[in-house]
Amino acid sequence: MAEDIGVAQEFVTTVVDLSTATSQVVTAGPCVVRGTSVNTLMSAHTAALNDSAGVEKAVIPASSPVGYEKNHYDTTMNGITVASNASGTGEIAIVWKPFSTPLQFTPQG
């Protein structure tokens, strides 16, 4: 994934085993998500990337094969929690980097 998505030095790769829990916190703080990839074949269950408020921001499709990659185009999120089915299996890698200050959005217009 590092070669394909272009992981800069400040980005971190976190591996998540989908068979260990239905909700796994990667980070509770503000961050940028560059991309995800599948390291181990996923079961017939999706895996969602949720923010710290539980809002679904992205989904990795069920039965994704090894090598499946999804570019998240540097999506900003307030925390990353991976939500999966209790019967889910597989392993994904998430490429992300933390922000040092909380995200604050100001509406334009």
Protein backbone atom coordinates (compact mmCIF):
# COMPACT_ATOMS: atom_id res chain seq x y z
CA MET A 1 0.00 0.00 0.00
CA ALA A 2 2.77 2.44 0.83
CA GLU A 3 3.96 2.52 -2.77
CA ASP A 4 0.49 2.83 -4.30
CA ILE A 5 -1.07 5.42 -2.02
CA GLY A 6 2.13 7.36 -1.41
CA VAL A 7 2.53 7.28 2.34
CA ALA A 8 4.48 10.27 3.58
CA GLN A 9 6.76 9.80 6.56
CA GLU A 10 4.32 11.40 9.03
CA PHE A 11 1.60 8.84 8.24
CA VAL A 12 1.10 5.77 10.45
CA THR A 13 -0.14 2.34 9.38
CA THR A 14 -2.38 0.56 11.88
CA VAL A 15 -3.37 -3.07 11.28
CA VAL A 16 -6.80 -4.15 12.54
CA ASP A 17 -7.83 -7.79 12.94
CA LEU A 18 -11.57 -7.88 12.25
CA SER A 19 -12.05 -11.14 14.17
CA THR A 20 -11.02 -9.77 17.57
CA ALA A 21 -13.84 -7.29 18.30
CA THR A 22 -16.82 -5.57 16.72
CA SER A 23 -15.55 -2.07 17.53
CA GLN A 24 -11.86 -1.17 17.62
CA VAL A 25 -10.56 2.34 18.24
CA VAL A 26 -7.57 3.25 16.07
CA THR A 27 -7.37 6.81 17.39
CA ALA A 28 -9.73 8.98 19.41
CA GLY A 29 -8.22 12.24 18.18
CA PRO A 30 -8.54 14.28 15.00
CA CYS A 31 -6.75 12.80 12.00
CA VAL A 32 -6.42 12.44 8.24
CA VAL A 33 -7.16 9.06 6.63
CA ARG A 34 -5.14 8.42 3.47
CA GLY A 35 -6.30 4.90 2.64
CA THR A 36 -7.05 1.32 3.60
CA SER A 37 -5.97 -2.05 2.28
CA VAL A 38 -6.90 -5.66 2.95
CA ASN A 39 -4.08 -7.87 4.28
CA THR A 40 -6.17 -11.02 4.90
CA LEU A 41 -9.27 -12.02 2.94
CA MET A 42 -12.40 -10.57 4.55
CA SER A 43 -15.47 -12.64 5.37
CA ALA A 44 -18.89 -11.86 3.92
CA HIS A 45 -19.18 -8.83 6.23
CA THR A 46 -18.35 -5.17 5.68
CA ALA A 47 -16.02 -3.12 7.86
CA ALA A 48 -16.87 0.54 8.48
CA LEU A 49 -14.63 3.43 9.44
CA ASN A 50 -16.58 5.56 11.91
CA ASP A 51 -15.63 8.81 13.58
CA SER A 52 -15.61 9.19 17.37
CA ALA A 53 -19.32 10.14 17.30
CA GLY A 54 -20.17 6.84 15.58
CA VAL A 55 -20.86 8.42 12.17
CA GLU A 56 -19.94 6.09 9.30
CA LYS A 57 -17.38 7.76 7.02
CA ALA A 58 -16.29 4.87 4.77
CA VAL A 59 -17.03 1.18 4.18
CA ILE A 60 -14.74 -1.62 3.06
CA PRO A 61 -16.88 -4.07 1.06
CA ALA A 62 -17.68 -7.57 2.29
CA SER A 63 -15.49 -10.38 0.92
CA SER A 64 -12.77 -7.93 -0.12
CA PRO A 65 -9.74 -9.88 -1.36
CA VAL A 66 -6.13 -9.57 -0.23
CA GLY A 67 -4.61 -6.53 -1.90
CA TYR A 68 -7.89 -4.58 -2.20
CA GLU A 69 -7.06 -0.91 -1.66
CA LYS A 70 -9.27 2.10 -1.13
CA ASN A 71 -7.93 5.63 -1.39
CA HIS A 72 -9.68 7.93 1.09
CA TYR A 73 -8.10 11.06 -0.43
CA ASP A 74 -6.91 12.44 2.91
CA THR A 75 -10.33 12.47 4.53
CA THR A 76 -10.39 14.40 7.80
CA MET A 77 -12.03 12.65 10.73
CA ASN A 78 -12.47 13.22 14.45
CA GLY A 79 -11.22 9.79 15.50
CA ILE A 80 -11.24 6.42 13.76
CA THR A 81 -13.17 3.40 15.00
CA VAL A 82 -13.39 0.25 12.89
CA ALA A 83 -16.82 -1.37 13.20
CA SER A 84 -17.29 -4.93 11.99
CA ASN A 85 -19.70 -7.83 12.38
CA ALA A 86 -19.23 -10.17 15.36
CA SER A 87 -18.68 -13.01 12.86
CA GLY A 88 -16.32 -10.95 10.70
CA THR A 89 -12.84 -12.11 9.79
CA GLY A 90 -9.95 -10.62 7.89
CA GLU A 91 -7.31 -8.02 8.49
CA ILE A 92 -7.12 -4.46 7.19
CA ALA A 93 -4.43 -1.78 7.30
CA ILE A 94 -5.37 1.88 7.77
CA VAL A 95 -2.96 4.63 6.76
CA TRP A 96 -3.58 7.80 8.77
CA LYS A 97 -1.88 10.69 10.54
CA PRO A 98 -2.89 12.58 13.67
CA PHE A 99 -3.57 16.31 13.91
CA SER A 100 -2.07 18.18 16.82
CA THR A 101 -5.19 20.34 17.26
CA PRO A 102 -8.91 19.43 17.11
CA LEU A 103 -10.71 19.87 13.81
CA GLN A 104 -12.95 22.90 13.70
CA PHE A 105 -15.06 23.53 10.65
CA THR A 106 -16.38 26.98 9.79
CA PRO A 107 -19.24 27.11 7.26
CA GLN A 108 -18.43 29.20 4.20
CA GLY A 109 -20.90 31.43 2.47
